[in-house]
Amino acid sequence: MRIISRKTLRAFQIRHPRVRQPLDDWHRLVESSVWETPADVKRAFRSADFLPDNRIVFNIAGNEVRLVVKVEYRFQTVYIRFVGTHADYDKIDATAI
């Protein structure tokens, strides 16, 4: 999968260095994956939550960080829409970002 934008992850990692490794692990795993359907995602990430419009919420670092992406399966692309703490996530509408 092609991931857009790594810059968003890096900016978050600078502010929260203790979650750098879990986010790098997520990035590495997704980048080497081929997802054609949500079932492919679920096989790799059992705790992933699916939202409308091909959005997925990942729990990172023991649910300390939430990562919201939009997947375009046809183009093998993952767009990072949000990365933040659990408290930050509670303040957004993940279906609208």
N, C-alpha and C. Protein backbone atom coordinates (compact mmCIF):
# COMPACT_ATOMS: atom_id res chain seq x y z
N MET A 1 0.85 -1.17 0.00
CA MET A 1 0.00 0.00 0.00
C MET A 1 0.90 1.24 0.00
N ARG A 2 0.43 2.24 -0.68
CA ARG A 2 1.11 3.53 -0.68
C ARG A 2 0.46 4.39 0.41
N ILE A 3 1.26 4.99 1.27
CA ILE A 3 0.75 5.76 2.39
C ILE A 3 1.02 7.24 2.18
N ILE A 4 -0.05 8.02 2.29
CA ILE A 4 0.04 9.48 2.15
C ILE A 4 -0.61 10.06 3.41
N SER A 5 -0.06 10.73 4.26
CA SER A 5 1.22 11.37 4.24
C SER A 5 2.01 10.97 5.47
N ARG A 6 3.18 10.50 5.24
CA ARG A 6 4.11 10.11 6.31
C ARG A 6 4.45 11.33 7.18
N LYS A 7 4.42 12.50 6.58
CA LYS A 7 4.73 13.74 7.29
C LYS A 7 3.82 13.93 8.51
N THR A 8 2.58 13.57 8.40
CA THR A 8 1.64 13.68 9.51
C THR A 8 2.06 12.79 10.67
N LEU A 9 2.48 11.57 10.37
CA LEU A 9 2.96 10.66 11.42
C LEU A 9 4.21 11.21 12.08
N ARG A 10 5.14 11.70 11.30
CA ARG A 10 6.40 12.20 11.85
C ARG A 10 6.17 13.40 12.76
N ALA A 11 5.28 14.28 12.38
CA ALA A 11 4.98 15.45 13.22
C ALA A 11 4.42 15.00 14.57
N PHE A 12 3.57 14.00 14.56
CA PHE A 12 3.01 13.49 15.81
C PHE A 12 4.10 12.81 16.64
N GLN A 13 4.98 12.07 15.99
CA GLN A 13 6.05 11.36 16.68
C GLN A 13 7.02 12.33 17.37
N ILE A 14 7.22 13.47 16.80
CA ILE A 14 8.09 14.48 17.42
C ILE A 14 7.48 14.95 18.74
N ARG A 15 6.17 15.15 18.73
CA ARG A 15 5.48 15.61 19.94
C ARG A 15 5.29 14.49 20.96
N HIS A 16 5.25 13.23 20.49
CA HIS A 16 4.99 12.07 21.36
C HIS A 16 6.01 10.97 21.04
N PRO A 17 7.28 11.16 21.43
CA PRO A 17 8.32 10.21 21.02
C PRO A 17 8.13 8.79 21.53
N ARG A 18 7.40 8.59 22.60
CA ARG A 18 7.27 7.22 23.13
C ARG A 18 6.41 6.32 22.24
N VAL A 19 5.65 6.91 21.31
CA VAL A 19 4.84 6.09 20.39
C VAL A 19 5.46 6.01 19.00
N ARG A 20 6.70 6.46 18.90
CA ARG A 20 7.38 6.43 17.61
C ARG A 20 7.46 5.00 17.05
N GLN A 21 7.92 4.06 17.87
CA GLN A 21 8.10 2.69 17.39
C GLN A 21 6.78 2.04 16.96
N PRO A 22 5.72 2.13 17.76
CA PRO A 22 4.45 1.53 17.31
C PRO A 22 3.93 2.14 16.01
N LEU A 23 4.11 3.44 15.83
CA LEU A 23 3.67 4.07 14.57
C LEU A 23 4.56 3.64 13.41
N ASP A 24 5.86 3.51 13.65
CA ASP A 24 6.77 3.02 12.60
C ASP A 24 6.42 1.58 12.23
N ASP A 25 6.08 0.77 13.23
CA ASP A 25 5.70 -0.62 12.98
C ASP A 25 4.43 -0.68 12.12
N TRP A 26 3.43 0.16 12.47
CA TRP A 26 2.20 0.22 11.68
C TRP A 26 2.53 0.60 10.24
N HIS A 27 3.33 1.64 10.07
CA HIS A 27 3.68 2.13 8.73
C HIS A 27 4.36 1.04 7.91
N ARG A 28 5.32 0.37 8.51
CA ARG A 28 6.07 -0.68 7.81
C ARG A 28 5.15 -1.83 7.39
N LEU A 29 4.26 -2.24 8.28
CA LEU A 29 3.35 -3.34 7.97
C LEU A 29 2.37 -2.96 6.86
N VAL A 30 1.81 -1.77 6.95
CA VAL A 30 0.84 -1.33 5.93
C VAL A 30 1.53 -1.15 4.58
N GLU A 31 2.69 -0.55 4.60
CA GLU A 31 3.42 -0.30 3.35
C GLU A 31 3.73 -1.59 2.60
N SER A 32 3.94 -2.67 3.32
CA SER A 32 4.27 -3.94 2.68
C SER A 32 3.03 -4.80 2.40
N SER A 33 1.85 -4.26 2.67
CA SER A 33 0.61 -5.01 2.50
C SER A 33 -0.05 -4.73 1.15
N VAL A 34 -0.95 -5.63 0.79
CA VAL A 34 -1.84 -5.43 -0.34
C VAL A 34 -3.25 -5.65 0.19
N TRP A 35 -4.02 -4.57 0.25
CA TRP A 35 -5.40 -4.66 0.72
C TRP A 35 -6.34 -4.46 -0.45
N GLU A 36 -7.17 -5.46 -0.69
CA GLU A 36 -8.16 -5.35 -1.75
C GLU A 36 -9.57 -5.18 -1.18
N THR A 37 -9.74 -5.56 0.08
CA THR A 37 -11.05 -5.46 0.73
C THR A 37 -10.84 -5.17 2.22
N PRO A 38 -11.88 -4.72 2.92
CA PRO A 38 -11.76 -4.55 4.37
C PRO A 38 -11.37 -5.84 5.10
N ALA A 39 -11.73 -6.98 4.56
CA ALA A 39 -11.35 -8.25 5.19
C ALA A 39 -9.83 -8.41 5.25
N ASP A 40 -9.13 -7.92 4.24
CA ASP A 40 -7.67 -7.97 4.24
C ASP A 40 -7.11 -7.14 5.40
N VAL A 41 -7.71 -5.99 5.63
CA VAL A 41 -7.28 -5.13 6.74
C VAL A 41 -7.54 -5.85 8.07
N LYS A 42 -8.71 -6.43 8.20
CA LYS A 42 -9.10 -7.09 9.45
C LYS A 42 -8.17 -8.26 9.77
N ARG A 43 -7.69 -8.95 8.76
CA ARG A 43 -6.75 -10.05 9.00
C ARG A 43 -5.45 -9.54 9.61
N ALA A 44 -5.02 -8.37 9.20
CA ALA A 44 -3.76 -7.81 9.70
C ALA A 44 -3.95 -7.05 11.02
N PHE A 45 -5.11 -6.42 11.19
CA PHE A 45 -5.37 -5.59 12.36
C PHE A 45 -6.75 -5.94 12.91
N ARG A 46 -6.79 -6.90 13.80
CA ARG A 46 -8.07 -7.39 14.36
C ARG A 46 -8.87 -6.30 15.07
N SER A 47 -8.19 -5.32 15.65
CA SER A 47 -8.92 -4.29 16.41
C SER A 47 -9.32 -3.09 15.55
N ALA A 48 -9.07 -3.13 14.25
CA ALA A 48 -9.43 -2.02 13.38
C ALA A 48 -10.95 -1.85 13.36
N ASP A 49 -11.36 -0.58 13.40
CA ASP A 49 -12.79 -0.24 13.33
C ASP A 49 -13.05 0.42 11.99
N PHE A 50 -14.11 0.00 11.34
CA PHE A 50 -14.44 0.49 10.01
C PHE A 50 -15.56 1.52 10.10
N LEU A 51 -15.37 2.62 9.38
CA LEU A 51 -16.33 3.71 9.32
C LEU A 51 -16.80 3.87 7.88
N PRO A 52 -17.86 4.65 7.68
CA PRO A 52 -18.31 4.89 6.29
C PRO A 52 -17.21 5.53 5.44
N ASP A 53 -17.38 5.42 4.14
CA ASP A 53 -16.50 6.03 3.15
C ASP A 53 -15.07 5.48 3.24
N ASN A 54 -14.94 4.18 3.50
CA ASN A 54 -13.65 3.49 3.53
C ASN A 54 -12.66 4.08 4.54
N ARG A 55 -13.19 4.62 5.63
CA ARG A 55 -12.31 5.09 6.70
C ARG A 55 -12.11 3.96 7.71
N ILE A 56 -10.91 3.93 8.28
CA ILE A 56 -10.56 2.91 9.27
C ILE A 56 -9.88 3.58 10.44
N VAL A 57 -10.24 3.14 11.64
CA VAL A 57 -9.60 3.63 12.86
C VAL A 57 -8.71 2.51 13.41
N PHE A 58 -7.43 2.84 13.60
CA PHE A 58 -6.48 1.90 14.17
C PHE A 58 -6.13 2.34 15.58
N ASN A 59 -6.05 1.39 16.49
CA ASN A 59 -5.60 1.64 17.85
C ASN A 59 -4.11 1.31 17.89
N ILE A 60 -3.32 2.30 18.24
CA ILE A 60 -1.86 2.15 18.24
C ILE A 60 -1.36 2.30 19.68
N ALA A 61 -0.31 1.57 20.00
CA ALA A 61 0.34 1.66 21.31
C ALA A 61 -0.64 1.39 22.44
N GLY A 62 -1.33 0.26 22.34
CA GLY A 62 -2.25 -0.13 23.41
C GLY A 62 -3.42 0.82 23.55
N ASN A 63 -3.90 1.35 22.42
CA ASN A 63 -5.03 2.27 22.37
C ASN A 63 -4.69 3.65 22.92
N GLU A 64 -3.41 3.94 23.05
CA GLU A 64 -2.99 5.28 23.48
C GLU A 64 -3.15 6.29 22.34
N VAL A 65 -2.96 5.80 21.12
CA VAL A 65 -3.03 6.64 19.93
C VAL A 65 -4.09 6.08 19.00
N ARG A 66 -4.85 6.99 18.40
CA ARG A 66 -5.81 6.62 17.37
C ARG A 66 -5.33 7.18 16.04
N LEU A 67 -5.42 6.34 15.04
CA LEU A 67 -5.00 6.70 13.69
C LEU A 67 -6.18 6.46 12.76
N VAL A 68 -6.62 7.51 12.08
CA VAL A 68 -7.75 7.40 11.15
C VAL A 68 -7.21 7.56 9.74
N VAL A 69 -7.55 6.61 8.89
CA VAL A 69 -7.12 6.65 7.50
C VAL A 69 -8.32 6.46 6.58
N LYS A 70 -8.12 6.86 5.35
CA LYS A 70 -9.09 6.56 4.30
C LYS A 70 -8.35 5.69 3.29
N VAL A 71 -8.97 4.59 2.92
CA VAL A 71 -8.33 3.64 2.01
C VAL A 71 -9.01 3.68 0.65
N GLU A 72 -8.20 3.75 -0.37
CA GLU A 72 -8.67 3.61 -1.76
C GLU A 72 -8.12 2.28 -2.24
N TYR A 73 -8.91 1.23 -2.06
CA TYR A 73 -8.45 -0.12 -2.38
C TYR A 73 -8.04 -0.25 -3.84
N ARG A 74 -8.80 0.35 -4.71
CA ARG A 74 -8.53 0.24 -6.15
C ARG A 74 -7.15 0.78 -6.52
N PHE A 75 -6.73 1.82 -5.82
CA PHE A 75 -5.44 2.46 -6.12
C PHE A 75 -4.35 2.06 -5.13
N GLN A 76 -4.68 1.14 -4.20
CA GLN A 76 -3.71 0.67 -3.21
C GLN A 76 -3.08 1.84 -2.45
N THR A 77 -3.94 2.76 -2.00
CA THR A 77 -3.48 3.96 -1.33
C THR A 77 -4.18 4.14 0.00
N VAL A 78 -3.41 4.54 1.01
CA VAL A 78 -3.92 4.83 2.35
C VAL A 78 -3.62 6.30 2.63
N TYR A 79 -4.66 7.07 2.90
CA TYR A 79 -4.50 8.49 3.21
C TYR A 79 -4.66 8.68 4.71
N ILE A 80 -3.64 9.21 5.36
CA ILE A 80 -3.73 9.48 6.79
C ILE A 80 -4.58 10.73 6.98
N ARG A 81 -5.67 10.57 7.72
CA ARG A 81 -6.59 11.68 7.94
C ARG A 81 -6.43 12.30 9.32
N PHE A 82 -6.00 11.49 10.30
CA PHE A 82 -5.86 11.98 11.67
C PHE A 82 -4.96 11.04 12.45
N VAL A 83 -4.13 11.61 13.29
CA VAL A 83 -3.38 10.84 14.28
C VAL A 83 -3.37 11.68 15.55
N GLY A 84 -3.74 11.06 16.65
CA GLY A 84 -3.80 11.79 17.90
C GLY A 84 -4.01 10.86 19.08
N THR A 85 -3.97 11.46 20.25
CA THR A 85 -4.21 10.68 21.46
C THR A 85 -5.68 10.26 21.50
N HIS A 86 -5.97 9.36 22.38
CA HIS A 86 -7.36 8.92 22.54
C HIS A 86 -8.24 10.11 22.90
N ALA A 87 -7.74 10.98 23.76
CA ALA A 87 -8.50 12.18 24.16
C ALA A 87 -8.74 13.10 22.97
N ASP A 88 -7.73 13.27 22.11
CA ASP A 88 -7.89 14.08 20.90
C ASP A 88 -8.94 13.49 19.97
N TYR A 89 -8.91 12.18 19.84
CA TYR A 89 -9.85 11.46 18.97
C TYR A 89 -11.29 11.69 19.43
N ASP A 90 -11.49 11.72 20.73
CA ASP A 90 -12.85 11.93 21.26
C ASP A 90 -13.42 13.28 20.88
N LYS A 91 -12.59 14.22 20.45
CA LYS A 91 -13.04 15.57 20.12
C LYS A 91 -13.35 15.75 18.63
N ILE A 92 -13.09 14.74 17.82
CA ILE A 92 -13.30 14.88 16.38
C ILE A 92 -14.46 14.00 15.90
N ASP A 93 -14.89 14.27 14.70
CA ASP A 93 -15.85 13.40 14.02
C ASP A 93 -15.05 12.65 12.95
N ALA A 94 -14.68 11.43 13.27
CA ALA A 94 -13.82 10.65 12.38
C ALA A 94 -14.46 10.36 11.02
N THR A 95 -15.77 10.46 10.94
CA THR A 95 -16.44 10.21 9.66
C THR A 95 -16.38 11.42 8.75
N ALA A 96 -15.98 12.58 9.29
CA ALA A 96 -16.00 13.81 8.50
C ALA A 96 -14.60 14.36 8.17
N ILE A 97 -13.57 13.78 8.73
CA ILE A 97 -12.23 14.33 8.47
C ILE A 97 -11.65 13.74 7.20
